[in-house]
Each structure stands twice: as C-alpha cells, then as structure tokens.
Protein backbone atom coordinates (compact mmCIF):
# COMPACT_ATOMS: atom_id res chain seq x y z
CA MET A 1 0.00 0.00 0.00
CA LYS A 2 2.80 2.39 0.91
CA ASP A 3 4.51 1.62 -2.39
CA LEU A 4 1.29 2.39 -4.30
CA VAL A 5 0.81 5.70 -2.48
CA LYS A 6 4.45 6.57 -3.16
CA ARG A 7 4.02 5.83 -6.89
CA VAL A 8 0.81 7.88 -7.08
CA LYS A 9 2.50 10.79 -5.32
CA SER A 10 5.50 10.45 -7.66
CA PHE A 11 3.18 10.53 -10.68
CA ILE A 12 1.29 13.59 -9.40
CA ILE A 13 4.49 15.61 -9.03
CA PHE A 14 5.64 14.18 -12.39
CA ASP A 15 8.68 12.48 -10.90
CA PHE A 16 7.87 8.83 -11.67
CA PRO A 17 8.36 8.98 -15.50
CA LEU A 18 11.75 10.66 -14.94
CA GLN A 19 13.27 8.03 -12.64
CA THR A 20 16.31 6.28 -14.11
CA ALA A 21 15.19 2.81 -12.98
CA TYR A 22 11.76 3.29 -14.55
CA ILE A 23 13.17 4.56 -17.86
CA SER A 24 15.63 1.65 -17.93
CA THR A 25 12.86 -0.91 -17.34
CA GLN A 26 10.70 0.67 -20.05
CA PHE A 27 13.62 0.74 -22.49
CA ASN A 28 14.43 -2.95 -21.97
CA ASN A 29 10.78 -4.03 -22.21
CA VAL A 30 10.01 -1.96 -25.32
CA HIS A 31 13.25 -2.98 -27.05
CA ARG A 32 12.78 -6.72 -26.43
CA LYS A 33 9.12 -6.59 -27.47
CA HIS A 34 9.80 -4.86 -30.78
CA GLN A 35 12.93 -6.92 -31.49
CA SER A 36 10.84 -10.09 -31.26
CA GLU A 37 8.29 -8.59 -33.68
CA THR A 38 10.63 -6.75 -36.06
CA PRO A 39 14.05 -8.28 -36.92
CA GLY A 40 16.77 -5.62 -36.91
CA TRP A 41 14.87 -3.29 -34.56
CA SER A 42 17.39 -0.70 -33.35
CA THR A 43 18.01 1.10 -30.06
CA VAL A 44 17.42 4.38 -31.92
CA ALA A 45 13.87 3.21 -32.72
CA THR A 46 13.32 2.27 -29.05
CA ARG A 47 14.60 5.69 -28.00
CA GLN A 48 12.05 7.34 -30.30
CA LYS A 49 9.28 5.13 -28.88
CA LEU A 50 10.07 6.27 -25.34
CA ILE A 51 10.22 9.92 -26.39
CA SER A 52 6.78 9.53 -28.00
CA ARG A 53 5.53 7.83 -24.83
CA TYR A 54 6.75 10.80 -22.78
CA TRP A 55 4.84 13.37 -24.87
CA PHE A 56 1.75 11.35 -25.79
CA THR A 57 1.23 9.23 -22.65
CA TYR A 58 2.99 10.66 -19.59
CA VAL A 59 2.33 14.35 -20.26
CA PRO A 60 -1.38 14.00 -21.25
CA GLY A 61 -1.95 11.56 -18.37
CA HIS A 62 -0.42 13.92 -15.86
CA PHE A 63 -2.26 16.97 -17.18
CA ALA A 64 -5.57 15.06 -17.32
CA LEU A 65 -5.13 14.35 -13.62
CA VAL A 66 -4.28 17.98 -12.88
CA LEU A 67 -7.34 19.22 -14.83
CA GLY A 68 -9.71 16.35 -14.04
CA PHE A 69 -9.39 16.43 -10.27
CA PRO A 70 -10.68 20.05 -9.89
CA ALA A 71 -13.48 19.34 -12.40
CA LEU A 72 -14.53 16.28 -10.37
CA LEU A 73 -14.55 18.33 -7.17
CA ILE A 74 -16.82 20.91 -8.80
CA PHE A 75 -19.28 18.21 -9.83
CA LEU A 76 -19.27 16.72 -6.33
CA LEU A 77 -19.62 20.04 -4.51
CA PHE A 78 -22.11 21.90 -6.73
CA GLY A 79 -23.85 19.14 -8.67
CA PHE A 80 -24.38 18.95 -12.41
CA LYS A 81 -26.64 22.04 -12.68
CA GLN A 82 -24.33 24.57 -11.07
CA ALA A 83 -21.18 22.83 -12.33
CA GLY A 84 -21.88 24.11 -15.86
CA PHE A 85 -21.34 27.66 -14.57
CA TYR A 86 -17.89 26.88 -13.17
CA LEU A 87 -16.57 24.50 -15.81
CA PRO A 88 -15.66 27.15 -18.45
CA GLY A 89 -13.47 28.82 -15.86
CA VAL A 90 -11.83 25.47 -15.07
CA PHE A 91 -11.04 24.84 -18.75
CA ILE A 92 -9.65 28.34 -19.25
CA ALA A 93 -7.50 27.87 -16.15
CA GLY A 94 -6.50 24.49 -17.58
CA LEU A 95 -5.27 26.01 -20.83
CA ILE A 96 -3.24 28.58 -18.93
CA SER A 97 -1.92 25.87 -16.60
CA TYR A 98 -0.86 23.67 -19.53
CA THR A 99 1.08 26.53 -21.11
CA ILE A 100 2.86 27.19 -17.82
CA LEU A 101 3.51 23.47 -17.20
CA TYR A 102 4.82 22.99 -20.73
CA LEU A 103 7.19 25.96 -20.57
CA PHE A 104 8.42 25.52 -17.01
CA HIS A 105 7.95 21.83 -16.26
CA TYR A 106 7.34 19.32 -19.09
CA ARG A 107 9.79 20.76 -21.60
CA PRO A 108 12.65 21.62 -19.19
CA TYR A 109 12.38 18.23 -17.45
CA PHE A 110 12.37 16.48 -20.83
CA SER A 111 15.51 18.28 -22.01
CA SER A 112 17.48 18.28 -18.76
CA VAL A 113 16.39 15.03 -17.07
CA PHE A 114 14.43 12.55 -19.20
CA LEU A 115 16.43 12.77 -22.44
CA PRO A 116 19.94 12.67 -20.86
CA ARG A 117 18.94 9.65 -18.75
CA LEU A 118 17.40 7.94 -21.77
CA GLU A 119 20.57 8.55 -23.84
CA THR A 120 22.73 7.14 -21.03
CA ILE A 121 20.55 4.03 -20.70
CA LYS A 122 20.65 3.55 -24.49
CA GLU A 123 24.46 3.76 -24.58
CA VAL A 124 24.85 1.40 -21.59
CA TYR A 125 22.55 -1.11 -23.31
CA GLU A 126 24.52 -0.87 -26.58
CA CYS A 127 27.86 -1.29 -24.77
CA SER A 128 26.54 -4.29 -22.84
CA THR A 129 25.23 -5.90 -26.04
CA ALA A 130 28.50 -5.21 -27.88
CA HIS A 131 30.49 -6.70 -24.98
CA LYS A 132 28.39 -9.88 -25.04
CA GLN A 133 28.82 -10.19 -28.80
CA GLU A 134 32.58 -9.69 -28.46
CA LYS A 135 32.75 -12.43 -25.83
CA CYS A 136 30.81 -14.76 -28.14
CA ARG A 137 33.17 -13.97 -31.02
CA GLN A 138 36.19 -14.67 -28.82
CA ALA A 139 34.69 -18.01 -27.72
CA GLN A 140 33.84 -19.02 -31.29
CA LEU A 141 36.32 -20.89 -33.46
CA SER A 142 38.05 -18.86 -36.18
CA ASN A 143 36.63 -18.82 -39.72
CA LEU A 144 39.40 -21.06 -41.08
CA SER A 145 38.94 -23.57 -38.25
CA LEU A 146 35.23 -23.76 -39.05
CA THR A 147 36.06 -24.34 -42.72
CA LEU A 148 38.57 -27.06 -41.79
CA ILE A 149 35.97 -28.84 -39.69
CA PHE A 150 33.40 -28.70 -42.50
CA TYR A 151 36.00 -29.93 -45.00
CA VAL A 152 36.85 -32.94 -42.81
CA LEU A 153 33.19 -33.76 -42.18
CA ASP A 154 32.50 -33.52 -45.90
CA LYS A 155 35.38 -35.87 -46.83
CA SER A 156 34.95 -38.37 -44.00
CA SER A 157 31.19 -38.67 -44.58
CA GLY A 158 31.66 -39.30 -48.29
CA MET A 159 29.49 -36.32 -49.33
CA ASN A 160 32.32 -34.74 -51.34
CA ALA A 161 30.07 -31.73 -51.83
CA ILE A 162 32.59 -29.01 -50.99
CA GLN A 163 33.30 -26.58 -53.83
CA CYS A 164 35.49 -23.51 -54.21
CA ASN A 165 32.99 -20.95 -55.51
CA ASP A 166 30.78 -18.06 -54.38
CA GLN A 167 27.61 -20.14 -54.20
CA PHE A 168 29.12 -22.71 -51.83
CA ALA A 169 30.68 -19.91 -49.75
CA ARG A 170 27.20 -18.41 -49.32
CA HIS A 171 25.89 -21.76 -48.10
CA LEU A 172 28.65 -21.89 -45.49
CA MET A 173 27.76 -18.33 -44.51
CA LYS A 174 24.20 -19.50 -43.78
CA LEU A 175 25.56 -22.38 -41.72
CA TYR A 176 28.14 -20.47 -39.66
CA GLY A 177 26.94 -16.85 -39.87
CA VAL A 178 30.34 -15.76 -41.22
CA ASP A 179 31.08 -13.44 -44.15
CA SER A 180 30.95 -15.37 -47.44
CA GLY A 181 34.05 -13.57 -48.76
CA SER A 182 36.09 -14.90 -45.86
CA MET A 183 34.69 -18.40 -46.45
CA LYS A 184 35.58 -18.23 -50.16
CA LYS A 185 39.23 -17.40 -49.32
CA ASN A 186 39.36 -20.34 -46.93
CA LEU A 187 37.88 -22.68 -49.55
CA GLU A 188 40.49 -21.48 -52.05
CA LEU A 189 43.22 -22.28 -49.53
CA LEU A 190 41.91 -25.80 -48.88
CA CYS A 191 40.62 -26.81 -52.32
CA GLY A 192 42.32 -24.52 -54.81
CA ARG A 193 45.75 -24.69 -56.36
CA LYS A 194 48.48 -24.87 -53.73
CA LYS A 195 50.28 -21.55 -53.24
CA PRO A 196 53.40 -20.71 -51.24
CA LEU A 197 52.53 -19.33 -47.81
CA SER A 198 54.42 -16.73 -45.81
CA ILE A 199 55.88 -17.69 -42.44
CA ARG A 200 53.24 -15.60 -40.72
CA LYS A 201 50.44 -17.27 -42.69
CA ILE A 202 51.85 -20.75 -41.94
CA THR A 203 51.85 -19.95 -38.21
CA GLU A 204 48.24 -18.74 -38.43
CA VAL A 205 47.12 -21.82 -40.37
CA GLN A 206 48.88 -24.15 -37.90
CA LYS A 207 46.95 -22.51 -35.07
CA ASN A 208 43.68 -23.11 -36.94
CA PHE A 209 44.62 -26.76 -37.49
CA GLN A 210 45.24 -27.14 -33.75
CA GLU A 211 41.76 -25.76 -33.02
CA ALA A 212 40.24 -28.24 -35.47
CA PHE A 213 42.32 -31.14 -34.03
CA SER A 214 41.14 -30.26 -30.52
CA PHE A 215 37.54 -30.27 -31.72
CA PHE A 216 37.73 -33.73 -33.30
CA GLU A 217 39.79 -35.19 -30.46
CA PHE A 218 37.21 -33.98 -27.95
CA MET A 219 34.49 -35.63 -30.07
CA GLY A 220 36.55 -38.82 -30.26
CA PHE A 221 36.34 -38.77 -34.06
CA SER A 222 39.58 -40.54 -35.02
CA GLU A 223 38.65 -40.72 -38.70
CA GLY A 224 38.26 -36.95 -38.72
CA VAL A 225 41.65 -36.51 -37.06
CA ALA A 226 43.26 -38.73 -39.73
CA GLU A 227 41.58 -36.80 -42.55
CA LEU A 228 42.72 -33.52 -41.00
CA ARG A 229 46.33 -34.75 -40.79
CA LYS A 230 46.27 -35.61 -44.49
CA LEU A 231 45.08 -32.11 -45.29
CA GLU A 232 47.71 -30.58 -42.99
CA ARG A 233 50.51 -32.44 -44.73
CA ARG A 234 49.24 -31.37 -48.14
CA LEU A 235 49.00 -27.69 -47.24
CA LEU A 236 51.99 -27.17 -44.97
CA GLN A 237 54.67 -29.59 -46.24
C-alpha cells in the first residue's frame, strides 16, 4: 500500500516517469518486445518510442489528472446544474496551466532530465550488447577452423560436396553466420591450387589446425583426425 501511495504521489508531481530505474525498465521491455516482432529493430527506434511515450502518454496523463481532479470536485460540490457555470473557468485555467507546465515543467524536465537519462541508458545497453557479442566472437572458433571442420566432415562422410565458388561460400555463410568472402578465401586455400605461404600465414594456419584437431579429439572422431592430418601435410609440407 505504501509503495502504491508513493508511486501515485510520484506521478502527481511528475517524478515517476523521470526516474532512471523506470526509464531503464521501459527501455528494456520496449526494445525486447519490438525486437521479437521486427528483426533488426534498433536502439534508436526504441529511443524514439520512449520519447513519444513521454509526450503522448505521460504528459497527457499527468495533465488530465491535474485538470480532471478540480473538475470532479466541482461536480461533487455543486452538482451537475451549477457545475456548468464553473466549468468554463476550469477549462480556461486548464489552458493557462498547460502553457505554464509545458514551458516551465514538461519541456525543461524532458531536455534536462528525461532525455539525458534515456541517452545514457541507451548507450549502456549498446555497450553491454556489444560486450556480449565480443565475448561470443572470442569463444567461437576462427573462420578457417570452421572451414577445416566442414571440409573434414564432408570428406569423411563421403558427401564430397565441398566446392570452391561463391555459391558454396554463401551456403557456409548461412551455416556459420560468417562473411561469405572470408569463407571463399578459406575454400580457395583448402581446395584450390596450392600456393606458397608466408611464415606468418603458416603460423596462423597451424593454429587453426590445432583448433580443429582439438575439436575432433574432444568428439573422439579418429577418422576426422586422420583426414585432417592428411590435409595438414598437403597444405603445410
């Protein structure tokens, strides 16, 4: 009950919509909702949604309370017959009040409190998302290691479907979510004409082979390990 009274009081003085915790909760809820409905929904779009909510939900709701409460009192105190005499004055006072509230309350609080807090929450959300994505990328095997694993699975299963062209690279992109151009270069390295490699490139490729070996050894796939060793000898010796 105390919490409800506190929230009502906070809404009346127009403090509740400006609280950082409330804006953060609204941002997360709105962003997740629209992301599930619209692929590629951006934080900029969520920001605009919350700005619209401020002007078209919070402000009208607050002003309706400010104007509606006196009007209700007039009806209760004087009844419907006499209330008609006082209501025009209430509405005129309401128009004047809205102008004053807009100039000295709604607009200043929007510019100096709501918008800066919303921008901060948006940036924190973006940084958190980018950090999670970076951690996922660091945990994921490299592009060449993924190509090595697919190559071995293709050969050891007898599919022999792997090809060194743009179309096949796009299929691998769908499978791994990796740029098709990068996949095409890896396919050219594994399936194309053998080219001399620099010392730096040899070191990089050896590291990728070790990642692939670790994968197959963990899976206990000895046939895959043998197929990978054959490929390693062909490329690096």
